[in-house]
Amino acid sequence: TLVDRAAAACQHIAVDLCRGTGYNYTSMPNLVGHDTQA
């Protein structure tokens, strides 16, 4: 269940600065508490 939740939480990176950094998926909230990529 935890693995399924982690997979479901992964989303394609939509931030222009972070495209091409070596990984393509991220999850929210991030390490500073933002709930969305926007």
PDB file of all heavy atoms in Angstrom:
ATOM      1  N   THR A   1       0.828  -1.213   0.000  1.00  0.00           N
ATOM      2  CA  THR A   1       0.000   0.000   0.000  1.00  0.00           C
ATOM      3  C   THR A   1       0.860   1.259   0.000  1.00  0.00           C
ATOM      4  O   THR A   1       0.583   2.221  -0.720  1.00  0.00           O
ATOM      5  CB  THR A   1      -0.929   0.005   1.226  1.00  0.00           C
ATOM      6  OG1 THR A   1      -1.746  -1.169   1.187  1.00  0.00           O
ATOM      7  CG2 THR A   1      -1.804   1.246   1.231  1.00  0.00           C
ATOM      8  N   LEU A   2       1.932   1.249   0.812  1.00  0.00           N
ATOM      9  CA  LEU A   2       2.821   2.405   0.863  1.00  0.00           C
ATOM     10  C   LEU A   2       3.502   2.638  -0.466  1.00  0.00           C
ATOM     11  O   LEU A   2       3.660   3.778  -0.919  1.00  0.00           O
ATOM     12  CB  LEU A   2       3.867   2.219   1.974  1.00  0.00           C
ATOM     13  CG  LEU A   2       3.323   2.258   3.409  1.00  0.00           C
ATOM     14  CD1 LEU A   2       4.450   1.945   4.393  1.00  0.00           C
ATOM     15  CD2 LEU A   2       2.700   3.613   3.728  1.00  0.00           C
ATOM     16  N   VAL A   3       3.939   1.547  -1.123  1.00  0.00           N
ATOM     17  CA  VAL A   3       4.578   1.675  -2.426  1.00  0.00           C
ATOM     18  C   VAL A   3       3.600   2.223  -3.447  1.00  0.00           C
ATOM     19  O   VAL A   3       3.933   3.081  -4.276  1.00  0.00           O
ATOM     20  CB  VAL A   3       5.152   0.308  -2.874  1.00  0.00           C
ATOM     21  CG1 VAL A   3       5.625   0.393  -4.326  1.00  0.00           C
ATOM     22  CG2 VAL A   3       6.297  -0.102  -1.970  1.00  0.00           C
ATOM     23  N   ASP A   4       2.356   1.722  -3.414  1.00  0.00           N
ATOM     24  CA  ASP A   4       1.342   2.206  -4.352  1.00  0.00           C
ATOM     25  C   ASP A   4       1.068   3.690  -4.133  1.00  0.00           C
ATOM     26  O   ASP A   4       0.910   4.459  -5.084  1.00  0.00           O
ATOM     27  CB  ASP A   4       0.042   1.413  -4.197  1.00  0.00           C
ATOM     28  CG  ASP A   4       0.200  -0.034  -4.680  1.00  0.00           C
ATOM     29  OD1 ASP A   4       1.146  -0.278  -5.455  1.00  0.00           O
ATOM     30  OD2 ASP A   4      -0.608  -0.890  -4.277  1.00  0.00           O
ATOM     31  N   ARG A   5       1.028   4.115  -2.867  1.00  0.00           N
ATOM     32  CA  ARG A   5       0.794   5.526  -2.578  1.00  0.00           C
ATOM     33  C   ARG A   5       1.951   6.379  -3.070  1.00  0.00           C
ATOM     34  O   ARG A   5       1.757   7.474  -3.598  1.00  0.00           O
ATOM     35  CB  ARG A   5       0.601   5.730  -1.079  1.00  0.00           C
ATOM     36  CG  ARG A   5      -0.737   5.202  -0.556  1.00  0.00           C
ATOM     37  CD  ARG A   5      -0.855   5.441   0.939  1.00  0.00           C
ATOM     38  NE  ARG A   5      -2.133   4.951   1.441  1.00  0.00           N
ATOM     39  CZ  ARG A   5      -2.475   4.960   2.723  1.00  0.00           C
ATOM     40  NH1 ARG A   5      -1.624   5.449   3.624  1.00  0.00           N
ATOM     41  NH2 ARG A   5      -3.652   4.500   3.100  1.00  0.00           N
ATOM     42  N   ALA A   6       3.179   5.881  -2.857  1.00  0.00           N
ATOM     43  CA  ALA A   6       4.348   6.641  -3.314  1.00  0.00           C
ATOM     44  C   ALA A   6       4.340   6.768  -4.824  1.00  0.00           C
ATOM     45  O   ALA A   6       4.661   7.829  -5.384  1.00  0.00           O
ATOM     46  CB  ALA A   6       5.640   5.955  -2.847  1.00  0.00           C
ATOM     47  N   ALA A   7       3.978   5.684  -5.516  1.00  0.00           N
ATOM     48  CA  ALA A   7       3.932   5.731  -6.979  1.00  0.00           C
ATOM     49  C   ALA A   7       2.857   6.697  -7.456  1.00  0.00           C
ATOM     50  O   ALA A   7       3.024   7.427  -8.426  1.00  0.00           O
ATOM     51  CB  ALA A   7       3.683   4.332  -7.533  1.00  0.00           C
ATOM     52  N   ALA A   8       1.712   6.691  -6.758  1.00  0.00           N
ATOM     53  CA  ALA A   8       0.621   7.579  -7.149  1.00  0.00           C
ATOM     54  C   ALA A   8       0.973   9.038  -6.886  1.00  0.00           C
ATOM     55  O   ALA A   8       0.496   9.939  -7.576  1.00  0.00           O
ATOM     56  CB  ALA A   8      -0.651   7.204  -6.402  1.00  0.00           C
ATOM     57  N   ALA A   9       1.798   9.291  -5.857  1.00  0.00           N
ATOM     58  CA  ALA A   9       2.150  10.665  -5.521  1.00  0.00           C
ATOM     59  C   ALA A   9       3.169  11.244  -6.471  1.00  0.00           C
ATOM     60  O   ALA A   9       3.302  12.462  -6.566  1.00  0.00           O
ATOM     61  CB  ALA A   9       2.676  10.730  -4.086  1.00  0.00           C
ATOM     62  N   CYS A  10       3.923  10.412  -7.162  1.00  0.00           N
ATOM     63  CA  CYS A  10       4.936  10.910  -8.098  1.00  0.00           C
ATOM     64  C   CYS A  10       4.258  11.605  -9.269  1.00  0.00           C
ATOM     65  O   CYS A  10       3.247  11.132  -9.792  1.00  0.00           O
ATOM     66  CB  CYS A  10       5.803   9.761  -8.604  1.00  0.00           C
ATOM     67  SG  CYS A  10       6.896   9.040  -7.341  1.00  0.00           S
ATOM     68  N   GLN A  11       4.819  12.726  -9.670  1.00  0.00           N
ATOM     69  CA  GLN A  11       4.279  13.502 -10.781  1.00  0.00           C
ATOM     70  C   GLN A  11       5.409  14.061 -11.610  1.00  0.00           C
ATOM     71  O   GLN A  11       6.511  14.292 -11.122  1.00  0.00           O
ATOM     72  CB  GLN A  11       3.398  14.631 -10.248  1.00  0.00           C
ATOM     73  CG  GLN A  11       4.053  15.462  -9.166  1.00  0.00           C
ATOM     74  CD  GLN A  11       3.109  16.421  -8.491  1.00  0.00           C
ATOM     75  OE1 GLN A  11       2.961  17.571  -8.926  1.00  0.00           O
ATOM     76  NE2 GLN A  11       2.466  15.970  -7.416  1.00  0.00           N
ATOM     77  N   HIS A  12       5.145  14.245 -12.894  1.00  0.00           N
ATOM     78  CA  HIS A  12       6.156  14.799 -13.788  1.00  0.00           C
ATOM     79  C   HIS A  12       6.548  16.205 -13.334  1.00  0.00           C
ATOM     80  O   HIS A  12       5.696  16.989 -12.887  1.00  0.00           O
ATOM     81  CB  HIS A  12       5.629  14.855 -15.224  1.00  0.00           C
ATOM     82  CG  HIS A  12       5.714  13.541 -15.937  1.00  0.00           C
ATOM     83  ND1 HIS A  12       6.886  13.047 -16.463  1.00  0.00           N
ATOM     84  CD2 HIS A  12       4.757  12.610 -16.189  1.00  0.00           C
ATOM     85  CE1 HIS A  12       6.655  11.869 -17.033  1.00  0.00           C
ATOM     86  NE2 HIS A  12       5.368  11.571 -16.878  1.00  0.00           N
ATOM     87  N   ILE A  13       7.821  16.526 -13.471  1.00  0.00           N
ATOM     88  CA  ILE A  13       8.307  17.852 -13.082  1.00  0.00           C
ATOM     89  C   ILE A  13       7.796  18.878 -14.074  1.00  0.00           C
ATOM     90  O   ILE A  13       8.023  18.761 -15.288  1.00  0.00           O
ATOM     91  CB  ILE A  13       9.844  17.870 -13.011  1.00  0.00           C
ATOM     92  CG1 ILE A  13      10.325  16.955 -11.881  1.00  0.00           C
ATOM     93  CG2 ILE A  13      10.366  19.292 -12.808  1.00  0.00           C
ATOM     94  CD1 ILE A  13      11.830  16.861 -11.766  1.00  0.00           C
ATOM     95  N   ALA A  14       7.110  19.899 -13.573  1.00  0.00           N
ATOM     96  CA  ALA A  14       6.550  20.950 -14.417  1.00  0.00           C
ATOM     97  C   ALA A  14       7.293  22.278 -14.273  1.00  0.00           C
ATOM     98  O   ALA A  14       6.953  23.245 -14.951  1.00  0.00           O
ATOM     99  CB  ALA A  14       5.070  21.159 -14.083  1.00  0.00           C
ATOM    100  N   VAL A  15       8.285  22.335 -13.406  1.00  0.00           N
ATOM    101  CA  VAL A  15       9.048  23.569 -13.176  1.00  0.00           C
ATOM    102  C   VAL A  15      10.168  23.653 -14.208  1.00  0.00           C
ATOM    103  O   VAL A  15      10.990  22.735 -14.322  1.00  0.00           O
ATOM    104  CB  VAL A  15       9.623  23.597 -11.747  1.00  0.00           C
ATOM    105  CG1 VAL A  15      10.427  24.865 -11.528  1.00  0.00           C
ATOM    106  CG2 VAL A  15       8.504  23.482 -10.723  1.00  0.00           C
ATOM    107  N   ASP A  16      10.214  24.748 -14.958  1.00  0.00           N
ATOM    108  CA  ASP A  16      11.186  24.871 -16.054  1.00  0.00           C
ATOM    109  C   ASP A  16      12.632  24.767 -15.568  1.00  0.00           C
ATOM    110  O   ASP A  16      13.467  24.134 -16.212  1.00  0.00           O
ATOM    111  CB  ASP A  16      10.988  26.207 -16.778  1.00  0.00           C
ATOM    112  CG  ASP A  16       9.665  26.253 -17.536  1.00  0.00           C
ATOM    113  OD1 ASP A  16       9.152  25.171 -17.879  1.00  0.00           O
ATOM    114  OD2 ASP A  16       9.146  27.366 -17.766  1.00  0.00           O
ATOM    115  N   LEU A  17      12.937  25.394 -14.431  1.00  0.00           N
ATOM    116  CA  LEU A  17      14.306  25.384 -13.917  1.00  0.00           C
ATOM    117  C   LEU A  17      14.792  23.982 -13.617  1.00  0.00           C
ATOM    118  O   LEU A  17      15.993  23.699 -13.731  1.00  0.00           O
ATOM    119  CB  LEU A  17      14.384  26.258 -12.658  1.00  0.00           C
ATOM    120  CG  LEU A  17      15.736  26.299 -11.931  1.00  0.00           C
ATOM    121  CD1 LEU A  17      16.792  26.954 -12.814  1.00  0.00           C
ATOM    122  CD2 LEU A  17      15.625  27.040 -10.606  1.00  0.00           C
ATOM    123  N   CYS A  18      13.873  23.087 -13.249  1.00  0.00           N
ATOM    124  CA  CYS A  18      14.258  21.768 -12.767  1.00  0.00           C
ATOM    125  C   CYS A  18      14.113  20.669 -13.817  1.00  0.00           C
ATOM    126  O   CYS A  18      14.269  19.492 -13.495  1.00  0.00           O
ATOM    127  CB  CYS A  18      13.429  21.414 -11.535  1.00  0.00           C
ATOM    128  SG  CYS A  18      13.613  22.607 -10.179  1.00  0.00           S
ATOM    129  N   ARG A  19      13.799  21.024 -15.029  1.00  0.00           N
ATOM    130  CA  ARG A  19      13.762  20.018 -16.083  1.00  0.00           C
ATOM    131  C   ARG A  19      15.171  19.742 -16.572  1.00  0.00           C
ATOM    132  O   ARG A  19      15.952  20.644 -16.804  1.00  0.00           O
ATOM    133  CB  ARG A  19      12.891  20.500 -17.243  1.00  0.00           C
ATOM    134  CG  ARG A  19      11.399  20.522 -16.896  1.00  0.00           C
ATOM    135  CD  ARG A  19      10.587  21.142 -17.999  1.00  0.00           C
ATOM    136  NE  ARG A  19       9.157  21.136 -17.699  1.00  0.00           N
ATOM    137  CZ  ARG A  19       8.244  21.755 -18.411  1.00  0.00           C
ATOM    138  NH1 ARG A  19       8.606  22.450 -19.483  1.00  0.00           N
ATOM    139  NH2 ARG A  19       6.967  21.702 -18.060  1.00  0.00           N
ATOM    140  N   GLY A  20      15.491  18.479 -16.735  1.00  0.00           N
ATOM    141  CA  GLY A  20      16.827  18.097 -17.168  1.00  0.00           C
ATOM    142  C   GLY A  20      17.839  18.064 -16.059  1.00  0.00           C
ATOM    143  O   GLY A  20      19.051  18.147 -16.308  1.00  0.00           O
ATOM    144  N   THR A  21      17.396  17.927 -14.817  1.00  0.00           N
ATOM    145  CA  THR A  21      18.324  17.863 -13.688  1.00  0.00           C
ATOM    146  C   THR A  21      18.834  16.457 -13.418  1.00  0.00           C
ATOM    147  O   THR A  21      19.673  16.272 -12.543  1.00  0.00           O
ATOM    148  CB  THR A  21      17.637  18.389 -12.414  1.00  0.00           C
ATOM    149  OG1 THR A  21      16.414  17.669 -12.212  1.00  0.00           O
ATOM    150  CG2 THR A  21      17.323  19.865 -12.530  1.00  0.00           C
ATOM    151  N   GLY A  22      18.327  15.455 -14.142  1.00  0.00           N
ATOM    152  CA  GLY A  22      18.765  14.077 -13.921  1.00  0.00           C
ATOM    153  C   GLY A  22      17.661  13.181 -13.416  1.00  0.00           C
ATOM    154  O   GLY A  22      17.824  11.961 -13.353  1.00  0.00           O
ATOM    155  N   TYR A  23      16.520  13.757 -13.028  1.00  0.00           N
ATOM    156  CA  TYR A  23      15.358  12.967 -12.633  1.00  0.00           C
ATOM    157  C   TYR A  23      14.111  13.681 -13.157  1.00  0.00           C
ATOM    158  O   TYR A  23      14.105  14.896 -13.349  1.00  0.00           O
ATOM    159  CB  TYR A  23      15.297  12.776 -11.115  1.00  0.00           C
ATOM    160  CG  TYR A  23      15.251  14.043 -10.307  1.00  0.00           C
ATOM    161  CD1 TYR A  23      14.038  14.601  -9.902  1.00  0.00           C
ATOM    162  CD2 TYR A  23      16.421  14.695  -9.922  1.00  0.00           C
ATOM    163  CE1 TYR A  23      13.986  15.763  -9.156  1.00  0.00           C
ATOM    164  CE2 TYR A  23      16.379  15.860  -9.177  1.00  0.00           C
ATOM    165  CZ  TYR A  23      15.166  16.385  -8.790  1.00  0.00           C
ATOM    166  OH  TYR A  23      15.114  17.538  -8.058  1.00  0.00           O
ATOM    167  N   ASN A  24      13.081  12.896 -13.402  1.00  0.00           N
ATOM    168  CA  ASN A  24      11.900  13.421 -14.089  1.00  0.00           C
ATOM    169  C   ASN A  24      10.652  13.495 -13.227  1.00  0.00           C
ATOM    170  O   ASN A  24       9.645  14.070 -13.653  1.00  0.00           O
ATOM    171  CB  ASN A  24      11.580  12.572 -15.322  1.00  0.00           C
ATOM    172  CG  ASN A  24      12.720  12.559 -16.319  1.00  0.00           C
ATOM    173  OD1 ASN A  24      13.355  13.585 -16.559  1.00  0.00           O
ATOM    174  ND2 ASN A  24      12.997  11.399 -16.903  1.00  0.00           N
ATOM    175  N   TYR A  25      10.684  12.898 -12.020  1.00  0.00           N
ATOM    176  CA  TYR A  25       9.495  12.849 -11.183  1.00  0.00           C
ATOM    177  C   TYR A  25       9.757  13.491  -9.827  1.00  0.00           C
ATOM    178  O   TYR A  25      10.853  13.401  -9.274  1.00  0.00           O
ATOM    179  CB  TYR A  25       9.038  11.396 -10.982  1.00  0.00           C
ATOM    180  CG  TYR A  25       8.564  10.740 -12.267  1.00  0.00           C
ATOM    181  CD1 TYR A  25       9.442  10.025 -13.064  1.00  0.00           C
ATOM    182  CD2 TYR A  25       7.232  10.841 -12.675  1.00  0.00           C
ATOM    183  CE1 TYR A  25       9.022   9.434 -14.240  1.00  0.00           C
ATOM    184  CE2 TYR A  25       6.800  10.244 -13.840  1.00  0.00           C
ATOM    185  CZ  TYR A  25       7.693   9.544 -14.626  1.00  0.00           C
ATOM    186  OH  TYR A  25       7.270   8.955 -15.790  1.00  0.00           O
ATOM    187  N   THR A  26       8.727  14.119  -9.307  1.00  0.00           N
ATOM    188  CA  THR A  26       8.782  14.727  -7.988  1.00  0.00           C
ATOM    189  C   THR A  26       7.485  14.436  -7.255  1.00  0.00           C
ATOM    190  O   THR A  26       6.560  13.839  -7.827  1.00  0.00           O
ATOM    191  CB  THR A  26       8.998  16.251  -8.077  1.00  0.00           C
ATOM    192  OG1 THR A  26       9.181  16.779  -6.778  1.00  0.00           O
ATOM    193  CG2 THR A  26       7.805  16.940  -8.736  1.00  0.00           C
ATOM    194  N   SER A  27       7.424  14.864  -6.009  1.00  0.00           N
ATOM    195  CA  SER A  27       6.208  14.678  -5.218  1.00  0.00           C
ATOM    196  C   SER A  27       6.025  15.883  -4.307  1.00  0.00           C
ATOM    197  O   SER A  27       6.988  16.538  -3.920  1.00  0.00           O
ATOM    198  CB  SER A  27       6.268  13.392  -4.391  1.00  0.00           C
ATOM    199  OG  SER A  27       7.336  13.447  -3.450  1.00  0.00           O
ATOM    200  N   MET A  28       4.796  16.155  -3.999  1.00  0.00           N
ATOM    201  CA  MET A  28       4.444  17.254  -3.120  1.00  0.00           C
ATOM    202  C   MET A  28       3.659  16.708  -1.919  1.00  0.00           C
ATOM    203  O   MET A  28       2.925  15.716  -2.066  1.00  0.00           O
ATOM    204  CB  MET A  28       3.605  18.290  -3.880  1.00  0.00           C
ATOM    205  CG  MET A  28       4.380  19.002  -4.971  1.00  0.00           C
ATOM    206  SD  MET A  28       5.618  20.136  -4.293  1.00  0.00           S
ATOM    207  CE  MET A  28       6.838  20.156  -5.618  1.00  0.00           C
ATOM    208  N   PRO A  29       3.806  17.315  -0.735  1.00  0.00           N
ATOM    209  CA  PRO A  29       4.562  18.545  -0.455  1.00  0.00           C
ATOM    210  C   PRO A  29       6.070  18.323  -0.518  1.00  0.00           C
ATOM    211  O   PRO A  29       6.559  17.216  -0.287  1.00  0.00           O
ATOM    212  CB  PRO A  29       4.097  18.914   0.949  1.00  0.00           C
ATOM    213  CG  PRO A  29       3.684  17.617   1.566  1.00  0.00           C
ATOM    214  CD  PRO A  29       3.089  16.808   0.464  1.00  0.00           C
ATOM    215  N   ASN A  30       6.794  19.405  -0.820  1.00  0.00           N
ATOM    216  CA  ASN A  30       8.244  19.311  -0.918  1.00  0.00           C
ATOM    217  C   ASN A  30       8.881  19.467   0.459  1.00  0.00           C
ATOM    218  O   ASN A  30       8.192  19.417   1.484  1.00  0.00           O
ATOM    219  CB  ASN A  30       8.774  20.354  -1.907  1.00  0.00           C
ATOM    220  CG  ASN A  30       8.398  21.779  -1.496  1.00  0.00           C
ATOM    221  OD1 ASN A  30       8.021  22.042  -0.358  1.00  0.00           O
ATOM    222  ND2 ASN A  30       8.502  22.706  -2.439  1.00  0.00           N
ATOM    223  N   LEU A  31      10.189  19.687   0.489  1.00  0.00           N
ATOM    224  CA  LEU A  31      10.915  19.715   1.756  1.00  0.00           C
ATOM    225  C   LEU A  31      10.695  20.997   2.563  1.00  0.00           C
ATOM    226  O   LEU A  31      11.127  21.073   3.713  1.00  0.00           O
ATOM    227  CB  LEU A  31      12.414  19.529   1.489  1.00  0.00           C
ATOM    228  CG  LEU A  31      12.812  18.233   0.778  1.00  0.00           C
ATOM    229  CD1 LEU A  31      14.321  18.124   0.672  1.00  0.00           C
ATOM    230  CD2 LEU A  31      12.236  17.017   1.487  1.00  0.00           C
ATOM    231  N   VAL A  32      10.051  21.985   1.966  1.00  0.00           N
ATOM    232  CA  VAL A  32       9.772  23.227   2.698  1.00  0.00           C
ATOM    233  C   VAL A  32       8.283  23.445   2.895  1.00  0.00           C
ATOM    234  O   VAL A  32       7.870  24.502   3.379  1.00  0.00           O
ATOM    235  CB  VAL A  32      10.395  24.443   1.968  1.00  0.00           C
ATOM    236  CG1 VAL A  32      11.898  24.335   1.938  1.00  0.00           C
ATOM    237  CG2 VAL A  32       9.835  24.578   0.562  1.00  0.00           C
ATOM    238  N   GLY A  33       7.461  22.464   2.510  1.00  0.00           N
ATOM    239  CA  GLY A  33       6.033  22.531   2.815  1.00  0.00           C
ATOM    240  C   GLY A  33       5.134  23.008   1.702  1.00  0.00           C
ATOM    241  O   GLY A  33       3.924  23.180   1.926  1.00  0.00           O
ATOM    242  N   HIS A  34       5.656  23.253   0.498  1.00  0.00           N
ATOM    243  CA  HIS A  34       4.797  23.659  -0.609  1.00  0.00           C
ATOM    244  C   HIS A  34       3.935  22.478  -1.049  1.00  0.00           C
ATOM    245  O   HIS A  34       4.429  21.356  -1.195  1.00  0.00           O
ATOM    246  CB  HIS A  34       5.629  24.154  -1.797  1.00  0.00           C
ATOM    247  CG  HIS A  34       6.338  25.430  -1.517  1.00  0.00           C
ATOM    248  ND1 HIS A  34       7.599  25.722  -2.017  1.00  0.00           N
ATOM    249  CD2 HIS A  34       5.988  26.500  -0.771  1.00  0.00           C
ATOM    250  CE1 HIS A  34       7.973  26.909  -1.612  1.00  0.00           C
ATOM    251  NE2 HIS A  34       7.015  27.398  -0.840  1.00  0.00           N
ATOM    252  N   ASP A  35       2.651  22.739  -1.298  1.00  0.00           N
ATOM    253  CA  ASP A  35       1.720  21.679  -1.670  1.00  0.00           C
ATOM    254  C   ASP A  35       1.626  21.463  -3.170  1.00  0.00           C
ATOM    255  O   ASP A  35       1.176  20.407  -3.616  1.00  0.00           O
ATOM    256  CB  ASP A  35       0.314  21.986  -1.132  1.00  0.00           C
ATOM    257  CG  ASP A  35       0.266  21.962   0.394  1.00  0.00           C
ATOM    258  OD1 ASP A  35       0.972  21.119   0.982  1.00  0.00           O
ATOM    259  OD2 ASP A  35      -0.460  22.779   0.985  1.00  0.00           O
ATOM    260  N   THR A  36       2.030  22.450  -3.967  1.00  0.00           N
ATOM    261  CA  THR A  36       1.947  22.330  -5.418  1.00  0.00           C
ATOM    262  C   THR A  36       3.259  22.762  -6.057  1.00  0.00           C
ATOM    263  O   THR A  36       4.041  23.520  -5.466  1.00  0.00           O
ATOM    264  CB  THR A  36       0.802  23.196  -5.979  1.00  0.00           C
ATOM    265  OG1 THR A  36       1.095  24.585  -5.733  1.00  0.00           O
ATOM    266  CG2 THR A  36      -0.535  22.822  -5.326  1.00  0.00           C
ATOM    267  N   GLN A  37       3.470  22.296  -7.289  1.00  0.00           N
ATOM    268  CA  GLN A  37       4.659  22.710  -8.013  1.00  0.00           C
ATOM    269  C   GLN A  37       4.599  24.191  -8.376  1.00  0.00           C
ATOM    270  O   GLN A  37       5.638  24.842  -8.515  1.00  0.00           O
ATOM    271  CB  GLN A  37       4.827  21.867  -9.278  1.00  0.00           C
ATOM    272  CG  GLN A  37       5.181  20.411  -9.019  1.00  0.00           C
ATOM    273  CD  GLN A  37       5.673  19.703 -10.261  1.00  0.00           C
ATOM    274  OE1 GLN A  37       6.613  20.149 -10.915  1.00  0.00           O
ATOM    275  NE2 GLN A  37       5.026  18.585 -10.600  1.00  0.00           N
ATOM    276  N   ALA A  38       3.387  24.730  -8.535  1.00  0.00           N
ATOM    277  CA  ALA A  38       3.251  26.158  -8.841  1.00  0.00           C
ATOM    278  C   ALA A  38       3.800  27.011  -7.698  1.00  0.00           C
ATOM    279  O   ALA A  38       4.471  28.023  -7.929  1.00  0.00           O
ATOM    280  CB  ALA A  38       1.786  26.493  -9.113  1.00  0.00           C
TER     281      ALA A  38
END
